[in-house]
């Protein structure tokens, strides 16, 4: 490599740095970001439009109009991309919520199938204190359950825990459905040809979309927590008991 080749390499690298600096400065001006350097691309009038202090574009030269149009296009495309990604995330989230609900419902059904059946056909559960409740949560008279072997039967605490978790899952799924619908509304607002959103409105749409995406991530973790809780006492490991011997309440 002779000195001319080395010179060309250095010159090319310098030109690339200058080009990148110009691009960075332009993007900063379009975004209204002051980085302490002299503003080289936009007039004070154009910067007033970016900052929202002026609406009238009269008097701007063609280059400035094109740059402002480019800024809007970039913001619009970014909002459009974020909505699309958030909608995909919402779809995956709703699928996960549905699968979690189906799995927990199967656990609830299995627990009910293993529960004690009272003489009248009602399913019942005993809690840690030896109290017995029907599947509907009604207290059962001790005389009815005297002599029943509860060993290995699912506990009342397990039943209650499963029902609480199901309620939580359904609340999460309902919120996810609402957020999914809201994303559809934001998409319609962004593409409303009869009432085209301005730059501020596009930015607001993008901000709300990002907030929804963050909430979906939070609810995804909430589903994991609901499906993997600290374990209650699953079943009663006591020997058969005569409940009549227990104190009355």
C-alpha atoms as a PDB file:
ATOM      1  CA  UNK A   1       0.000   0.000   0.000  1.00  0.00           C
ATOM      2  CA  UNK A   2       1.515   3.366  -1.048  1.00  0.00           C
ATOM      3  CA  UNK A   3       0.818   6.770   0.470  1.00  0.00           C
ATOM      4  CA  UNK A   4      -2.017   7.478  -1.994  1.00  0.00           C
ATOM      5  CA  UNK A   5      -3.955   4.385  -0.929  1.00  0.00           C
ATOM      6  CA  UNK A   6      -3.461   5.294   2.713  1.00  0.00           C
ATOM      7  CA  UNK A   7      -4.586   8.860   2.012  1.00  0.00           C
ATOM      8  CA  UNK A   8      -7.751   7.626   0.257  1.00  0.00           C
ATOM      9  CA  UNK A   9      -8.613   5.349   3.189  1.00  0.00           C
ATOM     10  CA  UNK A  10      -8.198   8.193   5.667  1.00  0.00           C
ATOM     11  CA  UNK A  11     -10.225  10.574   3.477  1.00  0.00           C
ATOM     12  CA  UNK A  12     -13.033   8.040   3.086  1.00  0.00           C
ATOM     13  CA  UNK A  13     -13.195   7.503   6.846  1.00  0.00           C
ATOM     14  CA  UNK A  14     -13.317  11.256   7.467  1.00  0.00           C
ATOM     15  CA  UNK A  15     -16.066  11.739   4.897  1.00  0.00           C
ATOM     16  CA  UNK A  16     -18.091   8.962   6.525  1.00  0.00           C
ATOM     17  CA  UNK A  17     -17.722  10.618   9.920  1.00  0.00           C
ATOM     18  CA  UNK A  18     -18.809  13.971   8.467  1.00  0.00           C
ATOM     19  CA  UNK A  19     -21.788  12.346   6.757  1.00  0.00           C
ATOM     20  CA  UNK A  20     -22.850  10.648   9.989  1.00  0.00           C
ATOM     21  CA  UNK A  21     -22.421  13.917  11.897  1.00  0.00           C
ATOM     22  CA  UNK A  22     -24.637  15.710   9.356  1.00  0.00           C
ATOM     23  CA  UNK A  23     -27.278  12.985   9.694  1.00  0.00           C
ATOM     24  CA  UNK A  24     -27.147  13.129  13.490  1.00  0.00           C
ATOM     25  CA  UNK A  25     -27.403  16.937  13.489  1.00  0.00           C
ATOM     26  CA  UNK A  26     -30.365  16.832  11.097  1.00  0.00           C
ATOM     27  CA  UNK A  27     -32.182  14.242  13.198  1.00  0.00           C
ATOM     28  CA  UNK A  28     -31.550  16.276  16.336  1.00  0.00           C
ATOM     29  CA  UNK A  29     -32.961  19.395  14.702  1.00  0.00           C
ATOM     30  CA  UNK A  30     -36.011  17.522  13.436  1.00  0.00           C
ATOM     31  CA  UNK A  31     -36.578  16.151  16.935  1.00  0.00           C
ATOM     32  CA  UNK A  32     -36.090  19.563  18.517  1.00  0.00           C
ATOM     33  CA  UNK A  33     -33.080  18.336  20.515  1.00  0.00           C
ATOM     34  CA  UNK A  34     -30.487  20.970  21.410  1.00  0.00           C
ATOM     35  CA  UNK A  35     -27.000  19.417  21.491  1.00  0.00           C
ATOM     36  CA  UNK A  36     -25.110  22.696  21.788  1.00  0.00           C
ATOM     37  CA  UNK A  37     -24.047  22.986  18.147  1.00  0.00           C
ATOM     38  CA  UNK A  38     -25.114  25.600  15.632  1.00  0.00           C
ATOM     39  CA  UNK A  39     -28.310  24.552  13.853  1.00  0.00           C
ATOM     40  CA  UNK A  40     -27.381  24.178  10.190  1.00  0.00           C
ATOM     41  CA  UNK A  41     -30.426  22.740   8.455  1.00  0.00           C
ATOM     42  CA  UNK A  42     -33.642  24.386   9.620  1.00  0.00           C
ATOM     43  CA  UNK A  43     -34.637  28.018   9.881  1.00  0.00           C
ATOM     44  CA  UNK A  44     -36.021  29.454  13.155  1.00  0.00           C
ATOM     45  CA  UNK A  45     -39.494  29.311  11.589  1.00  0.00           C
ATOM     46  CA  UNK A  46     -39.142  25.596  10.847  1.00  0.00           C
ATOM     47  CA  UNK A  47     -37.911  24.910  14.376  1.00  0.00           C
ATOM     48  CA  UNK A  48     -40.962  26.758  15.761  1.00  0.00           C
ATOM     49  CA  UNK A  49     -43.181  24.340  13.821  1.00  0.00           C
ATOM     50  CA  UNK A  50     -41.344  21.341  15.289  1.00  0.00           C
ATOM     51  CA  UNK A  51     -41.705  22.763  18.792  1.00  0.00           C
ATOM     52  CA  UNK A  52     -45.426  23.340  18.273  1.00  0.00           C
ATOM     53  CA  UNK A  53     -45.154  27.129  18.536  1.00  0.00           C
ATOM     54  CA  UNK A  54     -46.200  27.667  14.936  1.00  0.00           C
ATOM     55  CA  UNK A  55     -48.607  25.932  12.554  1.00  0.00           C
ATOM     56  CA  UNK A  56     -48.238  28.016   9.389  1.00  0.00           C
ATOM     57  CA  UNK A  57     -45.626  26.611   6.988  1.00  0.00           C
ATOM     58  CA  UNK A  58     -45.807  29.623   4.702  1.00  0.00           C
ATOM     59  CA  UNK A  59     -42.379  31.030   3.937  1.00  0.00           C
ATOM     60  CA  UNK A  60     -40.467  27.779   4.378  1.00  0.00           C
ATOM     61  CA  UNK A  61     -38.257  26.749   1.504  1.00  0.00           C
ATOM     62  CA  UNK A  62     -38.875  23.463  -0.355  1.00  0.00           C
ATOM     63  CA  UNK A  63     -36.027  21.677   1.430  1.00  0.00           C
ATOM     64  CA  UNK A  64     -37.440  22.521   4.849  1.00  0.00           C
ATOM     65  CA  UNK A  65     -40.911  21.386   3.806  1.00  0.00           C
ATOM     66  CA  UNK A  66     -39.418  18.112   2.603  1.00  0.00           C
ATOM     67  CA  UNK A  67     -37.490  17.654   5.837  1.00  0.00           C
ATOM     68  CA  UNK A  68     -40.581  18.322   7.946  1.00  0.00           C
ATOM     69  CA  UNK A  69     -42.514  15.870   5.817  1.00  0.00           C
ATOM     70  CA  UNK A  70     -39.730  13.332   6.360  1.00  0.00           C
ATOM     71  CA  UNK A  71     -39.955  13.840  10.119  1.00  0.00           C
ATOM     72  CA  UNK A  72     -43.710  13.158  10.052  1.00  0.00           C
ATOM     73  CA  UNK A  73     -43.226  10.099   7.860  1.00  0.00           C
ATOM     74  CA  UNK A  74     -40.605   8.684  10.199  1.00  0.00           C
ATOM     75  CA  UNK A  75     -42.828   9.256  13.240  1.00  0.00           C
ATOM     76  CA  UNK A  76     -45.835   7.746  11.452  1.00  0.00           C
ATOM     77  CA  UNK A  77     -43.912   4.650  10.396  1.00  0.00           C
ATOM     78  CA  UNK A  78     -42.484   4.216  13.901  1.00  0.00           C
ATOM     79  CA  UNK A  79     -45.972   4.405  15.447  1.00  0.00           C
ATOM     80  CA  UNK A  80     -47.301   2.013  12.817  1.00  0.00           C
ATOM     81  CA  UNK A  81     -44.506  -0.457  13.550  1.00  0.00           C
ATOM     82  CA  UNK A  82     -45.020  -0.239  17.319  1.00  0.00           C
ATOM     83  CA  UNK A  83     -48.768  -0.854  16.959  1.00  0.00           C
ATOM     84  CA  UNK A  84     -48.161  -3.881  14.759  1.00  0.00           C
ATOM     85  CA  UNK A  85     -45.648  -5.353  17.212  1.00  0.00           C
ATOM     86  CA  UNK A  86     -47.933  -4.642  20.176  1.00  0.00           C
ATOM     87  CA  UNK A  87     -50.871  -6.315  18.403  1.00  0.00           C
ATOM     88  CA  UNK A  88     -48.745  -9.405  17.805  1.00  0.00           C
ATOM     89  CA  UNK A  89     -47.742  -9.372  21.469  1.00  0.00           C
ATOM     90  CA  UNK A  90     -51.393  -9.014  22.507  1.00  0.00           C
ATOM     91  CA  UNK A  91     -52.367 -11.970  20.329  1.00  0.00           C
ATOM     92  CA  UNK A  92     -49.700 -14.185  21.903  1.00  0.00           C
ATOM     93  CA  UNK A  93     -50.686 -12.973  25.357  1.00  0.00           C
ATOM     94  CA  UNK A  94     -54.365 -13.797  24.846  1.00  0.00           C
ATOM     95  CA  UNK A  95     -53.431 -17.263  23.601  1.00  0.00           C
ATOM     96  CA  UNK A  96     -51.307 -17.792  26.703  1.00  0.00           C
ATOM     97  CA  UNK A  97     -54.094 -16.546  28.986  1.00  0.00           C
ATOM     98  CA  UNK A  98     -56.611 -18.878  27.328  1.00  0.00           C
ATOM     99  CA  UNK A  99     -54.277 -21.856  27.720  1.00  0.00           C
ATOM    100  CA  UNK A 100     -53.644 -20.981  31.373  1.00  0.00           C
ATOM    101  CA  UNK A 101     -57.384 -20.762  32.063  1.00  0.00           C
ATOM    102  CA  UNK A 102     -57.978 -24.126  30.389  1.00  0.00           C
ATOM    103  CA  UNK A 103     -55.171 -25.741  32.391  1.00  0.00           C
ATOM    104  CA  UNK A 104     -56.377 -24.317  35.709  1.00  0.00           C
ATOM    105  CA  UNK A 105     -59.969 -25.287  34.939  1.00  0.00           C
ATOM    106  CA  UNK A 106     -58.792 -28.851  34.413  1.00  0.00           C
ATOM    107  CA  UNK A 107     -57.059 -28.725  37.816  1.00  0.00           C
ATOM    108  CA  UNK A 108     -60.279 -27.441  39.400  1.00  0.00           C
ATOM    109  CA  UNK A 109     -62.295 -30.204  37.736  1.00  0.00           C
ATOM    110  CA  UNK A 110     -59.800 -32.854  38.893  1.00  0.00           C
ATOM    111  CA  UNK A 111     -59.902 -31.516  42.453  1.00  0.00           C
ATOM    112  CA  UNK A 112     -63.697 -31.620  42.458  1.00  0.00           C
ATOM    113  CA  UNK A 113     -63.719 -35.168  41.094  1.00  0.00           C
ATOM    114  CA  UNK A 114     -61.424 -36.318  43.941  1.00  0.00           C
ATOM    115  CA  UNK A 115     -63.456 -34.572  46.666  1.00  0.00           C
ATOM    116  CA  UNK A 116     -65.602 -36.411  49.185  1.00  0.00           C
ATOM    117  CA  UNK A 117     -69.179 -37.011  48.081  1.00  0.00           C
ATOM    118  CA  UNK A 118     -71.763 -36.499  50.823  1.00  0.00           C
ATOM    119  CA  UNK A 119     -74.789 -38.802  51.137  1.00  0.00           C
ATOM    120  CA  UNK A 120     -76.941 -36.293  49.245  1.00  0.00           C
ATOM    121  CA  UNK A 121     -74.466 -36.280  46.327  1.00  0.00           C
ATOM    122  CA  UNK A 122     -72.874 -32.929  47.153  1.00  0.00           C
ATOM    123  CA  UNK A 123     -69.089 -32.595  46.961  1.00  0.00           C
ATOM    124  CA  UNK A 124     -67.384 -31.390  50.149  1.00  0.00           C
ATOM    125  CA  UNK A 125     -63.969 -30.320  51.437  1.00  0.00           C
ATOM    126  CA  UNK A 126     -62.415 -30.209  54.892  1.00  0.00           C
ATOM    127  CA  UNK A 127     -60.133 -27.362  55.981  1.00  0.00           C
ATOM    128  CA  UNK A 128     -57.128 -27.489  58.330  1.00  0.00           C
ATOM    129  CA  UNK A 129     -59.357 -26.824  61.336  1.00  0.00           C
ATOM    130  CA  UNK A 130     -61.532 -29.839  60.570  1.00  0.00           C
ATOM    131  CA  UNK A 131     -64.465 -27.773  59.296  1.00  0.00           C
ATOM    132  CA  UNK A 132     -66.318 -29.121  56.260  1.00  0.00           C
ATOM    133  CA  UNK A 133     -67.789 -27.048  53.443  1.00  0.00           C
ATOM    134  CA  UNK A 134     -69.743 -27.909  50.334  1.00  0.00           C
ATOM    135  CA  UNK A 135     -68.504 -27.066  46.868  1.00  0.00           C
ATOM    136  CA  UNK A 136     -70.566 -23.865  47.135  1.00  0.00           C
ATOM    137  CA  UNK A 137     -68.841 -22.864  50.368  1.00  0.00           C
ATOM    138  CA  UNK A 138     -71.674 -23.729  52.753  1.00  0.00           C
ATOM    139  CA  UNK A 139     -70.774 -25.149  56.165  1.00  0.00           C
ATOM    140  CA  UNK A 140     -71.777 -28.795  56.600  1.00  0.00           C
ATOM    141  CA  UNK A 141     -73.202 -30.030  59.861  1.00  0.00           C
ATOM    142  CA  UNK A 142     -70.720 -32.242  61.680  1.00  0.00           C
ATOM    143  CA  UNK A 143     -73.242 -35.004  62.212  1.00  0.00           C
ATOM    144  CA  UNK A 144     -73.488 -35.481  58.459  1.00  0.00           C
ATOM    145  CA  UNK A 145     -69.768 -36.081  57.984  1.00  0.00           C
ATOM    146  CA  UNK A 146     -69.011 -38.186  61.065  1.00  0.00           C
ATOM    147  CA  UNK A 147     -67.136 -41.337  60.092  1.00  0.00           C
ATOM    148  CA  UNK A 148     -65.979 -40.125  56.668  1.00  0.00           C
ATOM    149  CA  UNK A 149     -62.366 -40.918  55.826  1.00  0.00           C
ATOM    150  CA  UNK A 150     -60.739 -37.683  54.636  1.00  0.00           C
ATOM    151  CA  UNK A 151     -57.237 -39.055  54.233  1.00  0.00           C
ATOM    152  CA  UNK A 152     -55.749 -38.036  50.888  1.00  0.00           C
ATOM    153  CA  UNK A 153     -58.788 -35.994  49.931  1.00  0.00           C
ATOM    154  CA  UNK A 154     -58.220 -32.508  48.453  1.00  0.00           C
ATOM    155  CA  UNK A 155     -58.357 -29.805  51.088  1.00  0.00           C
ATOM    156  CA  UNK A 156     -60.706 -26.847  51.299  1.00  0.00           C
ATOM    157  CA  UNK A 157     -57.637 -24.566  51.138  1.00  0.00           C
ATOM    158  CA  UNK A 158     -56.633 -26.070  47.798  1.00  0.00           C
ATOM    159  CA  UNK A 159     -60.137 -25.553  46.427  1.00  0.00           C
ATOM    160  CA  UNK A 160     -60.217 -21.903  47.564  1.00  0.00           C
ATOM    161  CA  UNK A 161     -56.723 -21.242  46.194  1.00  0.00           C
ATOM    162  CA  UNK A 162     -57.667 -22.620  42.784  1.00  0.00           C
ATOM    163  CA  UNK A 163     -60.820 -20.499  42.642  1.00  0.00           C
ATOM    164  CA  UNK A 164     -58.895 -17.336  43.609  1.00  0.00           C
ATOM    165  CA  UNK A 165     -56.300 -18.037  40.946  1.00  0.00           C
ATOM    166  CA  UNK A 166     -59.018 -18.594  38.342  1.00  0.00           C
ATOM    167  CA  UNK A 167     -60.605 -15.254  39.222  1.00  0.00           C
ATOM    168  CA  UNK A 168     -57.212 -13.556  38.873  1.00  0.00           C
ATOM    169  CA  UNK A 169     -56.585 -15.221  35.502  1.00  0.00           C
ATOM    170  CA  UNK A 170     -59.958 -14.141  34.171  1.00  0.00           C
ATOM    171  CA  UNK A 171     -59.327 -10.544  35.286  1.00  0.00           C
ATOM    172  CA  UNK A 172     -55.945 -10.584  33.532  1.00  0.00           C
ATOM    173  CA  UNK A 173     -57.453 -12.066  30.361  1.00  0.00           C
ATOM    174  CA  UNK A 174     -60.247  -9.475  30.347  1.00  0.00           C
ATOM    175  CA  UNK A 175     -57.731  -6.650  30.675  1.00  0.00           C
ATOM    176  CA  UNK A 176     -55.698  -8.174  27.860  1.00  0.00           C
ATOM    177  CA  UNK A 177     -58.785  -8.228  25.634  1.00  0.00           C
ATOM    178  CA  UNK A 178     -59.461  -4.563  26.445  1.00  0.00           C
ATOM    179  CA  UNK A 179     -55.880  -3.608  25.618  1.00  0.00           C
ATOM    180  CA  UNK A 180     -56.078  -5.522  22.350  1.00  0.00           C
ATOM    181  CA  UNK A 181     -59.232  -3.619  21.412  1.00  0.00           C
ATOM    182  CA  UNK A 182     -57.532  -0.349  22.345  1.00  0.00           C
ATOM    183  CA  UNK A 183     -54.647  -1.161  20.007  1.00  0.00           C
ATOM    184  CA  UNK A 184     -57.180  -1.586  17.222  1.00  0.00           C
ATOM    185  CA  UNK A 185     -58.618   1.840  18.040  1.00  0.00           C
ATOM    186  CA  UNK A 186     -55.165   3.409  18.008  1.00  0.00           C
ATOM    187  CA  UNK A 187     -54.476   1.808  14.638  1.00  0.00           C
ATOM    188  CA  UNK A 188     -57.732   3.254  13.290  1.00  0.00           C
ATOM    189  CA  UNK A 189     -56.845   6.695  14.665  1.00  0.00           C
ATOM    190  CA  UNK A 190     -53.419   6.534  13.028  1.00  0.00           C
ATOM    191  CA  UNK A 191     -54.905   5.620   9.632  1.00  0.00           C
ATOM    192  CA  UNK A 192     -57.927   7.934   9.780  1.00  0.00           C
ATOM    193  CA  UNK A 193     -57.805   9.593   6.359  1.00  0.00           C
ATOM    194  CA  UNK A 194     -60.742  11.848   7.248  1.00  0.00           C
ATOM    195  CA  UNK A 195     -58.988  13.217  10.319  1.00  0.00           C
ATOM    196  CA  UNK A 196     -55.297  12.760   9.691  1.00  0.00           C
ATOM    197  CA  UNK A 197     -53.379  12.938  13.000  1.00  0.00           C
ATOM    198  CA  UNK A 198     -50.723  15.616  13.237  1.00  0.00           C
ATOM    199  CA  UNK A 199     -47.201  14.955  14.521  1.00  0.00           C
ATOM    200  CA  UNK A 200     -48.204  15.472  18.173  1.00  0.00           C
ATOM    201  CA  UNK A 201     -51.116  13.067  17.799  1.00  0.00           C
ATOM    202  CA  UNK A 202     -48.876  10.476  16.139  1.00  0.00           C
ATOM    203  CA  UNK A 203     -46.397  10.781  19.002  1.00  0.00           C
ATOM    204  CA  UNK A 204     -49.221  10.395  21.541  1.00  0.00           C
ATOM    205  CA  UNK A 205     -50.445   7.266  19.744  1.00  0.00           C
ATOM    206  CA  UNK A 206     -46.954   5.814  19.835  1.00  0.00           C
ATOM    207  CA  UNK A 207     -46.530   6.631  23.540  1.00  0.00           C
ATOM    208  CA  UNK A 208     -49.814   4.939  24.451  1.00  0.00           C
ATOM    209  CA  UNK A 209     -48.896   1.937  22.318  1.00  0.00           C
ATOM    210  CA  UNK A 210     -45.601   1.549  24.157  1.00  0.00           C
ATOM    211  CA  UNK A 211     -47.444   1.773  27.468  1.00  0.00           C
ATOM    212  CA  UNK A 212     -49.805  -1.009  26.396  1.00  0.00           C
ATOM    213  CA  UNK A 213     -46.878  -3.184  25.308  1.00  0.00           C
ATOM    214  CA  UNK A 214     -45.244  -2.694  28.711  1.00  0.00           C
ATOM    215  CA  UNK A 215     -48.490  -3.601  30.497  1.00  0.00           C
ATOM    216  CA  UNK A 216     -48.798  -6.766  28.395  1.00  0.00           C
ATOM    217  CA  UNK A 217     -45.308  -7.766  29.539  1.00  0.00           C
ATOM    218  CA  UNK A 218     -46.337  -7.166  33.155  1.00  0.00           C
ATOM    219  CA  UNK A 219     -49.481  -9.274  32.773  1.00  0.00           C
ATOM    220  CA  UNK A 220     -47.476 -12.042  31.141  1.00  0.00           C
ATOM    221  CA  UNK A 221     -45.422 -12.226  34.323  1.00  0.00           C
ATOM    222  CA  UNK A 222     -48.628 -12.132  36.375  1.00  0.00           C
ATOM    223  CA  UNK A 223     -49.882 -15.214  34.543  1.00  0.00           C
ATOM    224  CA  UNK A 224     -46.632 -16.996  35.385  1.00  0.00           C
ATOM    225  CA  UNK A 225     -47.083 -16.076  39.060  1.00  0.00           C
ATOM    226  CA  UNK A 226     -50.707 -17.305  39.086  1.00  0.00           C
ATOM    227  CA  UNK A 227     -49.788 -20.601  37.471  1.00  0.00           C
ATOM    228  CA  UNK A 228     -46.779 -21.190  39.749  1.00  0.00           C
ATOM    229  CA  UNK A 229     -47.936 -20.107  43.227  1.00  0.00           C
ATOM    230  CA  UNK A 230     -46.613 -21.201  46.604  1.00  0.00           C
ATOM    231  CA  UNK A 231     -48.320 -24.550  47.182  1.00  0.00           C
ATOM    232  CA  UNK A 232     -51.135 -24.755  49.730  1.00  0.00           C
ATOM    233  CA  UNK A 233     -51.831 -28.003  51.526  1.00  0.00           C
ATOM    234  CA  UNK A 234     -53.082 -30.107  48.618  1.00  0.00           C
ATOM    235  CA  UNK A 235     -54.688 -32.921  50.540  1.00  0.00           C
ATOM    236  CA  UNK A 236     -55.480 -34.036  54.028  1.00  0.00           C
ATOM    237  CA  UNK A 237     -52.897 -36.468  55.348  1.00  0.00           C
ATOM    238  CA  UNK A 238     -54.641 -37.112  58.633  1.00  0.00           C
ATOM    239  CA  UNK A 239     -56.153 -40.388  59.700  1.00  0.00           C
ATOM    240  CA  UNK A 240     -59.940 -40.770  59.613  1.00  0.00           C
ATOM    241  CA  UNK A 241     -61.557 -38.494  62.164  1.00  0.00           C
ATOM    242  CA  UNK A 242     -64.865 -38.277  63.924  1.00  0.00           C
ATOM    243  CA  UNK A 243     -65.822 -34.651  63.502  1.00  0.00           C
ATOM    244  CA  UNK A 244     -68.246 -34.867  66.362  1.00  0.00           C
ATOM    245  CA  UNK A 245     -65.197 -35.075  68.583  1.00  0.00           C
ATOM    246  CA  UNK A 246     -63.998 -31.703  67.357  1.00  0.00           C
ATOM    247  CA  UNK A 247     -65.022 -28.551  69.205  1.00  0.00           C
ATOM    248  CA  UNK A 248     -68.146 -26.805  67.951  1.00  0.00           C
ATOM    249  CA  UNK A 249     -68.008 -23.292  66.438  1.00  0.00           C
END
